[in-house]
PDB file of N, CA and C in Angstrom:
ATOM      1  N   MET A   1       0.829  -1.217   0.109  1.00  0.00           N
ATOM      2  CA  MET A   1       0.136   0.136  -0.303  1.00  0.00           C
ATOM      3  C   MET A   1       0.763   1.357  -0.032  1.00  0.00           C
ATOM      4  N   VAL A   2       2.085   1.172   0.900  1.00  0.00           N
ATOM      5  CA  VAL A   2       2.585   2.480   0.847  1.00  0.00           C
ATOM      6  C   VAL A   2       3.358   2.360  -0.375  1.00  0.00           C
ATOM      7  N   PHE A   3       4.009   1.261  -1.068  1.00  0.00           N
ATOM      8  CA  PHE A   3       4.737   1.558  -2.259  1.00  0.00           C
ATOM      9  C   PHE A   3       3.765   2.006  -3.317  1.00  0.00           C
ATOM     10  N   ARG A   4       2.594   1.827  -3.347  1.00  0.00           N
ATOM     11  CA  ARG A   4       1.669   2.483  -4.267  1.00  0.00           C
ATOM     12  C   ARG A   4       1.475   4.030  -4.087  1.00  0.00           C
ATOM     13  N   ALA A   5       1.377   4.269  -3.053  1.00  0.00           N
ATOM     14  CA  ALA A   5       1.075   5.558  -2.322  1.00  0.00           C
ATOM     15  C   ALA A   5       2.068   6.595  -2.691  1.00  0.00           C
ATOM     16  N   LEU A   6       3.231   6.232  -2.862  1.00  0.00           N
ATOM     17  CA  LEU A   6       4.484   7.053  -2.755  1.00  0.00           C
ATOM     18  C   LEU A   6       4.877   6.992  -4.128  1.00  0.00           C
ATOM     19  N   GLY A   7       4.706   5.545  -4.935  1.00  0.00           N
ATOM     20  CA  GLY A   7       4.958   5.492  -6.060  1.00  0.00           C
ATOM     21  C   GLY A   7       6.387   5.698  -6.820  1.00  0.00           C
ATOM     22  N   ASP A   8       6.537   6.636  -7.418  1.00  0.00           N
ATOM     23  CA  ASP A   8       8.330   7.017  -8.142  1.00  0.00           C
ATOM     24  C   ASP A   8       8.647   7.965  -7.294  1.00  0.00           C
ATOM     25  N   GLY A   9       7.886   8.389  -6.221  1.00  0.00           N
ATOM     26  CA  GLY A   9       8.621   9.533  -5.512  1.00  0.00           C
ATOM     27  C   GLY A   9       9.860   9.114  -4.643  1.00  0.00           C
ATOM     28  N   VAL A  10       9.774   7.798  -4.533  1.00  0.00           N
ATOM     29  CA  VAL A  10      10.845   7.284  -3.596  1.00  0.00           C
ATOM     30  C   VAL A  10      11.728   5.998  -4.522  1.00  0.00           C
ATOM     31  N   PRO A  11      12.975   6.649  -4.971  1.00  0.00           N
ATOM     32  CA  PRO A  11      13.673   5.939  -5.719  1.00  0.00           C
ATOM     33  C   PRO A  11      14.402   4.537  -4.957  1.00  0.00           C
ATOM     34  N   THR A  12      14.605   4.645  -3.500  1.00  0.00           N
ATOM     35  CA  THR A  12      15.316   3.813  -3.059  1.00  0.00           C
ATOM     36  C   THR A  12      14.746   3.474  -1.564  1.00  0.00           C
ATOM     37  N   TRP A  13      14.092   2.129  -1.184  1.00  0.00           N
ATOM     38  CA  TRP A  13      13.551   1.661  -0.084  1.00  0.00           C
ATOM     39  C   TRP A  13      14.576   0.826   0.615  1.00  0.00           C
ATOM     40  N   LEU A  14      14.675   1.108   2.106  1.00  0.00           N
ATOM     41  CA  LEU A  14      15.116   0.260   2.867  1.00  0.00           C
ATOM     42  C   LEU A  14      14.358  -0.824   3.780  1.00  0.00           C
ATOM     43  N   THR A  15      14.526  -2.049   3.719  1.00  0.00           N
ATOM     44  CA  THR A  15      13.736  -2.766   4.368  1.00  0.00           C
ATOM     45  C   THR A  15      13.687  -3.248   5.830  1.00  0.00           C
ATOM     46  N   ILE A  16      14.972  -3.306   6.177  1.00  0.00           N
ATOM     47  CA  ILE A  16      15.120  -3.554   7.600  1.00  0.00           C
ATOM     48  C   ILE A  16      16.670  -2.955   7.975  1.00  0.00           C
ATOM     49  N   ASN A  17      16.813  -2.278   9.064  1.00  0.00           N
ATOM     50  CA  ASN A  17      17.764  -1.658   9.293  1.00  0.00           C
ATOM     51  C   ASN A  17      18.915  -2.239  10.115  1.00  0.00           C
ATOM     52  N   GLU A  18      20.044  -2.853   9.746  1.00  0.00           N
ATOM     53  CA  GLU A  18      21.500  -3.346  10.658  1.00  0.00           C
ATOM     54  C   GLU A  18      20.820  -4.632  11.292  1.00  0.00           C
ATOM     55  N   MET A  19      20.626  -5.620  10.317  1.00  0.00           N
ATOM     56  CA  MET A  19      20.063  -7.175  10.952  1.00  0.00           C
ATOM     57  C   MET A  19      21.348  -7.516  11.906  1.00  0.00           C
ATOM     58  N   PRO A  20      22.334  -7.197  11.538  1.00  0.00           N
ATOM     59  CA  PRO A  20      23.391  -7.831  12.535  1.00  0.00           C
ATOM     60  C   PRO A  20      23.323  -7.192  13.752  1.00  0.00           C
ATOM     61  N   THR A  21      23.072  -5.851  13.915  1.00  0.00           N
ATOM     62  CA  THR A  21      22.690  -5.207  15.197  1.00  0.00           C
ATOM     63  C   THR A  21      21.655  -5.716  16.063  1.00  0.00           C
ATOM     64  N   ILE A  22      20.550  -6.048  15.265  1.00  0.00           N
ATOM     65  CA  ILE A  22      19.185  -6.495  16.081  1.00  0.00           C
ATOM     66  C   ILE A  22      19.654  -8.207  16.506  1.00  0.00           C
ATOM     67  N   VAL A  23      20.232  -8.868  15.593  1.00  0.00           N
ATOM     68  CA  VAL A  23      20.405 -10.237  16.157  1.00  0.00           C
ATOM     69  C   VAL A  23      21.702 -10.218  16.974  1.00  0.00           C
ATOM     70  N   GLY A  24      22.640  -9.614  16.886  1.00  0.00           N
ATOM     71  CA  GLY A  24      24.120  -9.650  17.749  1.00  0.00           C
ATOM     72  C   GLY A  24      23.907  -9.141  19.068  1.00  0.00           C
ATOM     73  N   LEU A  25      23.437  -7.758  18.998  1.00  0.00           N
ATOM     74  CA  LEU A  25      23.059  -7.062  20.299  1.00  0.00           C
ATOM     75  C   LEU A  25      21.674  -7.677  21.039  1.00  0.00           C
ATOM     76  N   GLY A  26      20.710  -7.749  20.221  1.00  0.00           N
ATOM     77  CA  GLY A  26      19.316  -8.225  20.886  1.00  0.00           C
ATOM     78  C   GLY A  26      19.518  -9.462  21.760  1.00  0.00           C
ATOM     79  N   TYR A  27      20.288 -10.707  20.890  1.00  0.00           N
ATOM     80  CA  TYR A  27      20.157 -11.889  21.255  1.00  0.00           C
ATOM     81  C   TYR A  27      21.525 -12.387  21.577  1.00  0.00           C
ATOM     82  N   GLY A  28      22.746 -11.734  20.963  1.00  0.00           N
ATOM     83  CA  GLY A  28      23.974 -12.289  21.486  1.00  0.00           C
ATOM     84  C   GLY A  28      24.531 -11.674  22.676  1.00  0.00           C
ATOM     85  N   ASN A  29      24.536 -10.404  23.187  1.00  0.00           N
ATOM     86  CA  ASN A  29      25.156 -10.274  24.082  1.00  0.00           C
ATOM     87  C   ASN A  29      23.842  -9.399  25.084  1.00  0.00           C
ATOM     88  N   GLY A  30      22.809  -9.006  24.625  1.00  0.00           N
ATOM     89  CA  GLY A  30      21.745  -9.000  25.372  1.00  0.00           C
ATOM     90  C   GLY A  30      21.415  -7.182  25.366  1.00  0.00           C
ATOM     91  N   THR A  31      22.523  -6.362  25.077  1.00  0.00           N
ATOM     92  CA  THR A  31      22.255  -4.936  25.194  1.00  0.00           C
ATOM     93  C   THR A  31      21.369  -4.095  24.382  1.00  0.00           C
ATOM     94  N   HIS A  32      20.667  -5.059  23.548  1.00  0.00           N
ATOM     95  CA  HIS A  32      19.428  -4.148  22.861  1.00  0.00           C
ATOM     96  C   HIS A  32      18.613  -5.249  22.908  1.00  0.00           C
ATOM     97  N   ALA A  33      17.359  -4.375  22.636  1.00  0.00           N
ATOM     98  CA  ALA A  33      15.986  -5.222  22.956  1.00  0.00           C
ATOM     99  C   ALA A  33      16.097  -6.438  21.905  1.00  0.00           C
ATOM    100  N   PRO A  34      15.402  -7.817  22.207  1.00  0.00           N
ATOM    101  CA  PRO A  34      14.915  -7.767  23.589  1.00  0.00           C
ATOM    102  C   PRO A  34      15.578  -8.227  24.853  1.00  0.00           C
ATOM    103  N   GLY A  35      16.876  -8.109  24.742  1.00  0.00           N
ATOM    104  CA  GLY A  35      17.651  -7.981  25.899  1.00  0.00           C
ATOM    105  C   GLY A  35      17.966  -9.333  26.338  1.00  0.00           C
ATOM    106  N   SER A  36      17.927 -10.220  25.643  1.00  0.00           N
ATOM    107  CA  SER A  36      18.376 -11.525  25.975  1.00  0.00           C
ATOM    108  C   SER A  36      19.964 -12.345  25.318  1.00  0.00           C
ATOM    109  N   VAL A  37      20.355 -13.321  25.829  1.00  0.00           N
ATOM    110  CA  VAL A  37      21.391 -13.904  25.488  1.00  0.00           C
ATOM    111  C   VAL A  37      21.050 -15.133  25.033  1.00  0.00           C
ATOM    112  N   ASP A  38      20.452 -15.387  23.606  1.00  0.00           N
ATOM    113  CA  ASP A  38      19.824 -16.895  23.584  1.00  0.00           C
ATOM    114  C   ASP A  38      20.157 -16.999  22.208  1.00  0.00           C
ATOM    115  N   HIS A  39      21.211 -17.562  21.706  1.00  0.00           N
ATOM    116  CA  HIS A  39      21.654 -18.044  20.427  1.00  0.00           C
ATOM    117  C   HIS A  39      20.413 -18.369  19.566  1.00  0.00           C
ATOM    118  N   GLU A  40      19.750 -19.403  20.054  1.00  0.00           N
ATOM    119  CA  GLU A  40      18.730 -19.965  19.203  1.00  0.00           C
ATOM    120  C   GLU A  40      17.650 -18.906  18.864  1.00  0.00           C
ATOM    121  N   ALA A  41      17.237 -18.335  19.704  1.00  0.00           N
ATOM    122  CA  ALA A  41      16.440 -17.266  19.556  1.00  0.00           C
ATOM    123  C   ALA A  41      16.715 -16.075  18.483  1.00  0.00           C
ATOM    124  N   GLY A  42      17.829 -15.985  18.757  1.00  0.00           N
ATOM    125  CA  GLY A  42      18.617 -14.913  17.533  1.00  0.00           C
ATOM    126  C   GLY A  42      18.587 -15.550  16.197  1.00  0.00           C
ATOM    127  N   GLN A  43      18.766 -16.937  16.014  1.00  0.00           N
ATOM    128  CA  GLN A  43      18.814 -17.389  14.454  1.00  0.00           C
ATOM    129  C   GLN A  43      17.192 -17.311  14.208  1.00  0.00           C
ATOM    130  N   VAL A  44      16.358 -17.667  15.236  1.00  0.00           N
ATOM    131  CA  VAL A  44      15.027 -17.569  14.587  1.00  0.00           C
ATOM    132  C   VAL A  44      14.871 -16.130  14.304  1.00  0.00           C
ATOM    133  N   ALA A  45      14.990 -15.291  14.827  1.00  0.00           N
ATOM    134  CA  ALA A  45      14.765 -13.635  14.783  1.00  0.00           C
ATOM    135  C   ALA A  45      15.509 -13.503  13.311  1.00  0.00           C
ATOM    136  N   LEU A  46      16.642 -13.833  13.213  1.00  0.00           N
ATOM    137  CA  LEU A  46      17.374 -13.621  11.987  1.00  0.00           C
ATOM    138  C   LEU A  46      16.434 -14.226  10.743  1.00  0.00           C
ATOM    139  N   HIS A  47      15.895 -15.445  10.880  1.00  0.00           N
ATOM    140  CA  HIS A  47      15.266 -16.071   9.974  1.00  0.00           C
ATOM    141  C   HIS A  47      13.855 -15.282   9.709  1.00  0.00           C
ATOM    142  N   HIS A  48      13.387 -14.513  10.737  1.00  0.00           N
ATOM    143  CA  HIS A  48      12.096 -13.812  10.787  1.00  0.00           C
ATOM    144  C   HIS A  48      12.480 -12.527   9.536  1.00  0.00           C
ATOM    145  N   LEU A  49      13.412 -11.932  10.275  1.00  0.00           N
ATOM    146  CA  LEU A  49      14.078 -10.663   9.683  1.00  0.00           C
ATOM    147  C   LEU A  49      14.395 -11.100   7.784  1.00  0.00           C
ATOM    148  N   MET A  50      14.723 -12.010   7.464  1.00  0.00           N
ATOM    149  CA  MET A  50      15.018 -12.410   6.045  1.00  0.00           C
ATOM    150  C   MET A  50      13.393 -12.411   5.372  1.00  0.00           C
ATOM    151  N   LEU A  51      12.861 -13.328   6.447  1.00  0.00           N
ATOM    152  CA  LEU A  51      11.323 -13.307   5.644  1.00  0.00           C
ATOM    153  C   LEU A  51      10.677 -11.896   5.309  1.00  0.00           C
ATOM    154  N   GLY A  52      10.854 -10.820   6.429  1.00  0.00           N
ATOM    155  CA  GLY A  52      10.435  -9.675   6.345  1.00  0.00           C
ATOM    156  C   GLY A  52      11.191  -8.870   5.098  1.00  0.00           C
ATOM    157  N   ASP A  53      12.315  -9.108   5.016  1.00  0.00           N
ATOM    158  CA  ASP A  53      13.069  -8.344   4.048  1.00  0.00           C
ATOM    159  C   ASP A  53      12.578  -8.898   2.504  1.00  0.00           C
ATOM    160  N   GLY A  54      12.655 -10.410   2.330  1.00  0.00           N
ATOM    161  CA  GLY A  54      12.083 -11.013   1.265  1.00  0.00           C
ATOM    162  C   GLY A  54      10.421 -10.506   0.681  1.00  0.00           C
ATOM    163  N   LEU A  55       9.549 -10.640   1.697  1.00  0.00           N
ATOM    164  CA  LEU A  55       8.238 -10.231   1.400  1.00  0.00           C
ATOM    165  C   LEU A  55       7.924  -8.969   1.062  1.00  0.00           C
ATOM    166  N   ALA A  56       9.009  -7.853   1.819  1.00  0.00           N
ATOM    167  CA  ALA A  56       8.895  -6.218   1.212  1.00  0.00           C
ATOM    168  C   ALA A  56       9.267  -6.469  -0.284  1.00  0.00           C
ATOM    169  N   VAL A  57      10.613  -7.120  -0.530  1.00  0.00           N
ATOM    170  CA  VAL A  57      10.865  -6.917  -1.905  1.00  0.00           C
ATOM    171  C   VAL A  57       9.859  -7.238  -3.002  1.00  0.00           C
ATOM    172  N   GLN A  58       9.119  -8.540  -2.539  1.00  0.00           N
ATOM    173  CA  GLN A  58       8.193  -9.117  -3.410  1.00  0.00           C
ATOM    174  C   GLN A  58       7.034  -8.058  -3.805  1.00  0.00           C
ATOM    175  N   ALA A  59       6.637  -7.445  -2.645  1.00  0.00           N
ATOM    176  CA  ALA A  59       5.640  -6.494  -2.607  1.00  0.00           C
ATOM    177  C   ALA A  59       5.920  -5.211  -3.313  1.00  0.00           C
ATOM    178  N   LEU A  60       7.272  -4.842  -3.258  1.00  0.00           N
ATOM    179  CA  LEU A  60       7.519  -3.755  -4.397  1.00  0.00           C
ATOM    180  C   LEU A  60       7.614  -4.183  -5.704  1.00  0.00           C
ATOM    181  N   ARG A  61       8.024  -5.538  -5.932  1.00  0.00           N
ATOM    182  CA  ARG A  61       8.272  -6.063  -7.306  1.00  0.00           C
ATOM    183  C   ARG A  61       6.882  -5.952  -7.842  1.00  0.00           C
ATOM    184  N   ALA A  62       5.966  -6.615  -6.796  1.00  0.00           N
ATOM    185  CA  ALA A  62       4.367  -6.659  -7.628  1.00  0.00           C
ATOM    186  C   ALA A  62       3.785  -5.382  -8.282  1.00  0.00           C
ATOM    187  N   THR A  63       4.218  -4.263  -7.518  1.00  0.00           N
ATOM    188  CA  THR A  63       3.973  -3.177  -8.083  1.00  0.00           C
ATOM    189  C   THR A  63       4.218  -2.649  -9.395  1.00  0.00           C
ATOM    190  N   GLY A  64       5.411  -3.284  -9.813  1.00  0.00           N
ATOM    191  CA  GLY A  64       6.014  -2.645 -11.213  1.00  0.00           C
ATOM    192  C   GLY A  64       6.861  -1.528 -10.932  1.00  0.00           C
ATOM    193  N   LEU A  65       6.702  -0.826  -9.671  1.00  0.00           N
ATOM    194  CA  LEU A  65       7.987   0.166  -9.590  1.00  0.00           C
ATOM    195  C   LEU A  65       9.277  -0.246  -9.889  1.00  0.00           C
ATOM    196  N   LYS A  66      10.010   0.435 -10.466  1.00  0.00           N
ATOM    197  CA  LYS A  66      11.729   0.367 -10.563  1.00  0.00           C
ATOM    198  C   LYS A  66      12.358   1.008  -9.753  1.00  0.00           C
ATOM    199  N   ALA A  67      11.813   0.961  -8.447  1.00  0.00           N
ATOM    200  CA  ALA A  67      12.724   1.698  -7.359  1.00  0.00           C
ATOM    201  C   ALA A  67      13.834   0.478  -6.686  1.00  0.00           C
ATOM    202  N   ARG A  68      14.859   0.738  -6.428  1.00  0.00           N
ATOM    203  CA  ARG A  68      16.025   0.193  -5.667  1.00  0.00           C
ATOM    204  C   ARG A  68      15.496  -0.484  -3.986  1.00  0.00           C
ATOM    205  N   ILE A  69      15.689  -1.588  -3.612  1.00  0.00           N
ATOM    206  CA  ILE A  69      15.168  -1.916  -2.458  1.00  0.00           C
ATOM    207  C   ILE A  69      15.918  -2.948  -1.895  1.00  0.00           C
ATOM    208  N   GLY A  70      16.260  -2.822  -0.518  1.00  0.00           N
ATOM    209  CA  GLY A  70      16.889  -3.982   0.282  1.00  0.00           C
ATOM    210  C   GLY A  70      17.417  -3.469   1.527  1.00  0.00           C
ATOM    211  N   PRO A  71      18.027  -4.485   2.383  1.00  0.00           N
ATOM    212  CA  PRO A  71      18.405  -3.957   3.599  1.00  0.00           C
ATOM    213  C   PRO A  71      19.612  -2.926   4.060  1.00  0.00           C
ATOM    214  N   ALA A  72      19.506  -2.003   4.885  1.00  0.00           N
ATOM    215  CA  ALA A  72      20.671  -1.459   5.336  1.00  0.00           C
ATOM    216  C   ALA A  72      21.389  -2.128   6.360  1.00  0.00           C
ATOM    217  N   GLN A  73      22.389  -2.652   5.635  1.00  0.00           N
ATOM    218  CA  GLN A  73      23.363  -3.633   6.112  1.00  0.00           C
ATOM    219  C   GLN A  73      24.626  -2.748   7.234  1.00  0.00           C
ATOM    220  N   ASN A  74      25.151  -3.019   7.951  1.00  0.00           N
ATOM    221  CA  ASN A  74      26.489  -2.909   8.578  1.00  0.00           C
ATOM    222  C   ASN A  74      27.338  -3.999   8.754  1.00  0.00           C
ATOM    223  N   PHE A  75      28.453  -3.779   7.759  1.00  0.00           N
ATOM    224  CA  PHE A  75      29.298  -4.904   7.661  1.00  0.00           C
ATOM    225  C   PHE A  75      30.730  -4.553   8.455  1.00  0.00           C
ATOM    226  N   THR A  76      31.405  -5.714   8.726  1.00  0.00           N
ATOM    227  CA  THR A  76      32.818  -5.522   9.539  1.00  0.00           C
ATOM    228  C   THR A  76      33.686  -6.154   8.689  1.00  0.00           C
ATOM    229  N   ALA A  77      34.644  -5.309   8.253  1.00  0.00           N
ATOM    230  CA  ALA A  77      35.893  -5.844   7.597  1.00  0.00           C
ATOM    231  C   ALA A  77      36.670  -6.730   8.572  1.00  0.00           C
ATOM    232  N   VAL A  78      37.108  -7.936   8.054  1.00  0.00           N
ATOM    233  CA  VAL A  78      37.762  -8.658   8.761  1.00  0.00           C
ATOM    234  C   VAL A  78      38.968  -9.301   8.197  1.00  0.00           C
ATOM    235  N   TYR A  79      40.054  -9.188   8.998  1.00  0.00           N
ATOM    236  CA  TYR A  79      41.492  -9.592   8.706  1.00  0.00           C
ATOM    237  C   TYR A  79      41.966 -10.192   9.571  1.00  0.00           C
ATOM    238  N   PRO A  80      42.646 -11.477   9.228  1.00  0.00           N
ATOM    239  CA  PRO A  80      43.417 -12.343  10.232  1.00  0.00           C
ATOM    240  C   PRO A  80      44.529 -11.188  10.972  1.00  0.00           C
ATOM    241  N   ALA A  81      44.747 -11.599  12.195  1.00  0.00           N
ATOM    242  CA  ALA A  81      45.698 -10.644  12.776  1.00  0.00           C
ATOM    243  C   ALA A  81      47.435 -11.197  12.504  1.00  0.00           C
ATOM    244  N   ASP A  82      47.280 -12.196  12.079  1.00  0.00           N
ATOM    245  CA  ASP A  82      48.619 -12.582  11.534  1.00  0.00           C
ATOM    246  C   ASP A  82      48.599 -13.665  10.271  1.00  0.00           C
ATOM    247  N   ASP A  83      49.629 -14.409   9.949  1.00  0.00           N
ATOM    248  CA  ASP A  83      49.657 -15.212   8.927  1.00  0.00           C
ATOM    249  C   ASP A  83      49.335 -16.709   9.424  1.00  0.00           C
ATOM    250  N   SER A  84      49.145 -16.957  10.801  1.00  0.00           N
ATOM    251  CA  SER A  84      48.769 -18.362  11.457  1.00  0.00           C
ATOM    252  C   SER A  84      47.526 -18.829  11.146  1.00  0.00           C
ATOM    253  N   ASP A  85      47.455 -20.168  11.025  1.00  0.00           N
ATOM    254  CA  ASP A  85      46.127 -20.912  10.629  1.00  0.00           C
ATOM    255  C   ASP A  85      45.164 -20.552  11.817  1.00  0.00           C
ATOM    256  N   GLY A  86      45.609 -20.251  13.032  1.00  0.00           N
ATOM    257  CA  GLY A  86      44.535 -19.942  13.954  1.00  0.00           C
ATOM    258  C   GLY A  86      43.943 -18.560  13.611  1.00  0.00           C
ATOM    259  N   ALA A  87      44.905 -17.681  13.174  1.00  0.00           N
ATOM    260  CA  ALA A  87      44.259 -16.312  13.127  1.00  0.00           C
ATOM    261  C   ALA A  87      43.444 -16.179  11.838  1.00  0.00           C
ATOM    262  N   ARG A  88      44.011 -17.099  10.809  1.00  0.00           N
ATOM    263  CA  ARG A  88      43.116 -17.184   9.319  1.00  0.00           C
ATOM    264  C   ARG A  88      41.580 -17.590   9.859  1.00  0.00           C
ATOM    265  N   GLN A  89      41.694 -19.045  10.781  1.00  0.00           N
ATOM    266  CA  GLN A  89      40.273 -19.652  11.121  1.00  0.00           C
ATOM    267  C   GLN A  89      39.479 -18.595  11.948  1.00  0.00           C
ATOM    268  N   ALA A  90      39.936 -17.887  12.767  1.00  0.00           N
ATOM    269  CA  ALA A  90      39.299 -16.911  13.683  1.00  0.00           C
ATOM    270  C   ALA A  90      38.783 -15.710  12.834  1.00  0.00           C
ATOM    271  N   ALA A  91      39.546 -15.485  11.888  1.00  0.00           N
ATOM    272  CA  ALA A  91      38.980 -14.247  10.845  1.00  0.00           C
ATOM    273  C   ALA A  91      37.884 -14.818  10.207  1.00  0.00           C
ATOM    274  N   ALA A  92      38.282 -16.137   9.760  1.00  0.00           N
ATOM    275  CA  ALA A  92      36.799 -16.880   8.805  1.00  0.00           C
ATOM    276  C   ALA A  92      35.542 -16.816   9.745  1.00  0.00           C
ATOM    277  N   ARG A  93      35.788 -17.276  10.904  1.00  0.00           N
ATOM    278  CA  ARG A  93      34.431 -17.362  11.760  1.00  0.00           C
ATOM    279  C   ARG A  93      34.084 -16.179  11.971  1.00  0.00           C
ATOM    280  N   THR A  94      34.735 -14.955  12.297  1.00  0.00           N
ATOM    281  CA  THR A  94      34.141 -13.769  12.469  1.00  0.00           C
ATOM    282  C   THR A  94      33.562 -13.316  11.237  1.00  0.00           C
ATOM    283  N   ASP A  95      34.153 -13.318   9.776  1.00  0.00           N
ATOM    284  CA  ASP A  95      33.424 -12.960   8.715  1.00  0.00           C
ATOM    285  C   ASP A  95      32.230 -13.686   8.837  1.00  0.00           C
ATOM    286  N   LEU A  96      31.931 -15.035   8.953  1.00  0.00           N
ATOM    287  CA  LEU A  96      30.730 -15.838   8.948  1.00  0.00           C
ATOM    288  C   LEU A  96      29.890 -14.993   9.725  1.00  0.00           C
ATOM    289  N   THR A  97      30.074 -14.897  11.213  1.00  0.00           N
ATOM    290  CA  THR A  97      28.723 -14.334  12.051  1.00  0.00           C
ATOM    291  C   THR A  97      28.659 -12.801  11.916  1.00  0.00           C
ATOM    292  N   GLU A  98      29.678 -12.068  11.321  1.00  0.00           N
ATOM    293  CA  GLU A  98      29.299 -10.478  11.236  1.00  0.00           C
ATOM    294  C   GLU A  98      29.087 -10.213   9.742  1.00  0.00           C
ATOM    295  N   ASN A  99      29.232 -10.918   8.928  1.00  0.00           N
ATOM    296  CA  ASN A  99      28.935 -10.500   7.536  1.00  0.00           C
ATOM    297  C   ASN A  99      28.101 -11.748   6.596  1.00  0.00           C
ATOM    298  N   ARG A 100      28.538 -12.983   6.442  1.00  0.00           N
ATOM    299  CA  ARG A 100      28.158 -13.848   5.610  1.00  0.00           C
ATOM    300  C   ARG A 100      26.766 -14.417   5.839  1.00  0.00           C
ATOM    301  N   LEU A 101      26.431 -14.526   7.418  1.00  0.00           N
ATOM    302  CA  LEU A 101      25.320 -15.095   7.891  1.00  0.00           C
ATOM    303  C   LEU A 101      24.336 -14.012   7.584  1.00  0.00           C
ATOM    304  N   TYR A 102      24.725 -12.994   7.183  1.00  0.00           N
ATOM    305  CA  TYR A 102      23.667 -11.848   6.742  1.00  0.00           C
ATOM    306  C   TYR A 102      23.314 -11.574   4.963  1.00  0.00           C
ATOM    307  N   LEU A 103      24.449 -12.015   4.315  1.00  0.00           N
ATOM    308  CA  LEU A 103      24.641 -11.863   2.822  1.00  0.00           C
ATOM    309  C   LEU A 103      24.107 -12.914   2.382  1.00  0.00           C
ATOM    310  N   GLU A 104      24.477 -14.303   2.629  1.00  0.00           N
ATOM    311  CA  GLU A 104      24.382 -15.146   1.739  1.00  0.00           C
ATOM    312  C   GLU A 104      23.058 -15.466   1.294  1.00  0.00           C
ATOM    313  N   PRO A 105      21.981 -15.361   2.546  1.00  0.00           N
ATOM    314  CA  PRO A 105      20.554 -15.889   2.317  1.00  0.00           C
ATOM    315  C   PRO A 105      19.975 -14.627   1.305  1.00  0.00           C
ATOM    316  N   ILE A 106      20.547 -13.309   1.105  1.00  0.00           N
ATOM    317  CA  ILE A 106      19.854 -12.377   0.326  1.00  0.00           C
ATOM    318  C   ILE A 106      20.396 -12.660  -1.058  1.00  0.00           C
ATOM    319  N   LEU A 107      21.912 -13.042  -1.316  1.00  0.00           N
ATOM    320  CA  LEU A 107      22.507 -12.803  -2.480  1.00  0.00           C
ATOM    321  C   LEU A 107      22.504 -14.524  -3.215  1.00  0.00           C
ATOM    322  N   ARG A 108      22.513 -15.448  -2.073  1.00  0.00           N
ATOM    323  CA  ARG A 108      22.629 -16.879  -2.732  1.00  0.00           C
ATOM    324  C   ARG A 108      21.125 -17.512  -2.371  1.00  0.00           C
ATOM    325  N   GLY A 109      20.435 -16.916  -1.751  1.00  0.00           N
ATOM    326  CA  GLY A 109      19.068 -17.536  -1.512  1.00  0.00           C
ATOM    327  C   GLY A 109      19.215 -18.955  -0.544  1.00  0.00           C
ATOM    328  N   GLU A 110      20.111 -18.833   0.139  1.00  0.00           N
ATOM    329  CA  GLU A 110      20.129 -20.080   1.104  1.00  0.00           C
ATOM    330  C   GLU A 110      21.084 -19.753   2.517  1.00  0.00           C
ATOM    331  N   TYR A 111      20.819 -20.044   3.543  1.00  0.00           N
ATOM    332  CA  TYR A 111      21.696 -20.149   4.618  1.00  0.00           C
ATOM    333  C   TYR A 111      23.163 -20.666   4.461  1.00  0.00           C
ATOM    334  N   HIS A 112      23.934 -20.220   5.186  1.00  0.00           N
ATOM    335  CA  HIS A 112      25.342 -20.928   5.212  1.00  0.00           C
ATOM    336  C   HIS A 112      25.339 -21.995   5.862  1.00  0.00           C
ATOM    337  N   ARG A 113      25.739 -23.319   5.360  1.00  0.00           N
ATOM    338  CA  ARG A 113      25.473 -24.517   5.809  1.00  0.00           C
ATOM    339  C   ARG A 113      25.705 -24.835   7.074  1.00  0.00           C
ATOM    340  N   THR A 114      26.600 -24.048   7.768  1.00  0.00           N
ATOM    341  CA  THR A 114      26.720 -24.033   9.451  1.00  0.00           C
ATOM    342  C   THR A 114      25.648 -23.480  10.058  1.00  0.00           C
ATOM    343  N   ARG A 115      25.042 -22.629   9.668  1.00  0.00           N
ATOM    344  CA  ARG A 115      24.178 -21.537  10.308  1.00  0.00           C
ATOM    345  C   ARG A 115      22.700 -21.657   9.758  1.00  0.00           C
ATOM    346  N   SER A 116      21.935 -22.619   9.347  1.00  0.00           N
ATOM    347  CA  SER A 116      20.994 -22.509   8.989  1.00  0.00           C
ATOM    348  C   SER A 116      19.830 -22.495  10.278  1.00  0.00           C
ATOM    349  N   PRO A 117      19.227 -21.205  10.257  1.00  0.00           N
ATOM    350  CA  PRO A 117      18.237 -20.995  11.279  1.00  0.00           C
ATOM    351  C   PRO A 117      16.828 -21.809  11.002  1.00  0.00           C
ATOM    352  N   ARG A 118      16.653 -22.337   9.995  1.00  0.00           N
ATOM    353  CA  ARG A 118      15.684 -23.504   9.770  1.00  0.00           C
ATOM    354  C   ARG A 118      15.847 -24.836  10.729  1.00  0.00           C
ATOM    355  N   SER A 119      17.173 -25.050  11.173  1.00  0.00           N
ATOM    356  CA  SER A 119      17.453 -26.059  11.895  1.00  0.00           C
ATOM    357  C   SER A 119      16.876 -26.177  13.430  1.00  0.00           C
ATOM    358  N   THR A 120      16.777 -24.842  13.803  1.00  0.00           N
ATOM    359  CA  THR A 120      16.159 -24.853  14.988  1.00  0.00           C
ATOM    360  C   THR A 120      14.643 -25.190  15.105  1.00  0.00           C
ATOM    361  N   SER A 121      14.101 -25.376  16.518  1.00  0.00           N
ATOM    362  CA  SER A 121      13.062 -26.082  16.526  1.00  0.00           C
ATOM    363  C   SER A 121      11.770 -24.943  16.586  1.00  0.00           C
ATOM    364  N   ARG A 122      12.089 -23.786  16.742  1.00  0.00           N
ATOM    365  CA  ARG A 122      10.998 -22.890  16.876  1.00  0.00           C
ATOM    366  C   ARG A 122      10.933 -21.895  15.473  1.00  0.00           C
ATOM    367  N   THR A 123      11.340 -22.412  14.426  1.00  0.00           N
ATOM    368  CA  THR A 123      10.997 -21.538  13.302  1.00  0.00           C
ATOM    369  C   THR A 123       9.816 -22.011  12.369  1.00  0.00           C
ATOM    370  N   GLY A 124       9.190 -23.149  12.763  1.00  0.00           N
ATOM    371  CA  GLY A 124       8.139 -23.417  12.190  1.00  0.00           C
ATOM    372  C   GLY A 124       8.204 -23.752  10.771  1.00  0.00           C
TER     373      GLY A 124
END
């Protein structure tokens, strides 16, 4: 409804603001709402954020408008601290949890094989 009402007057739409902040700070360390430390609930929340993003994109496309649409993401540049295997593995883990966890569902249409929110019991 909003897409049609505003029409071509809005060239770019943002669906969700900073998914990593919502999931990481809301469920990872509890400093943002809902203020819990619950990895499984965070994975469920991420799944619902991804669904909401996808539904918003579909709704815009259904109008025929040519606007750009997508989430406002906050990414983290990740580099190993040194050339050791441990540092490279730590950087890869951080890149996964800070970046790829949020990019792969949008760009590839699937969750990273090690982090599928659909594997949790509360996703439905």
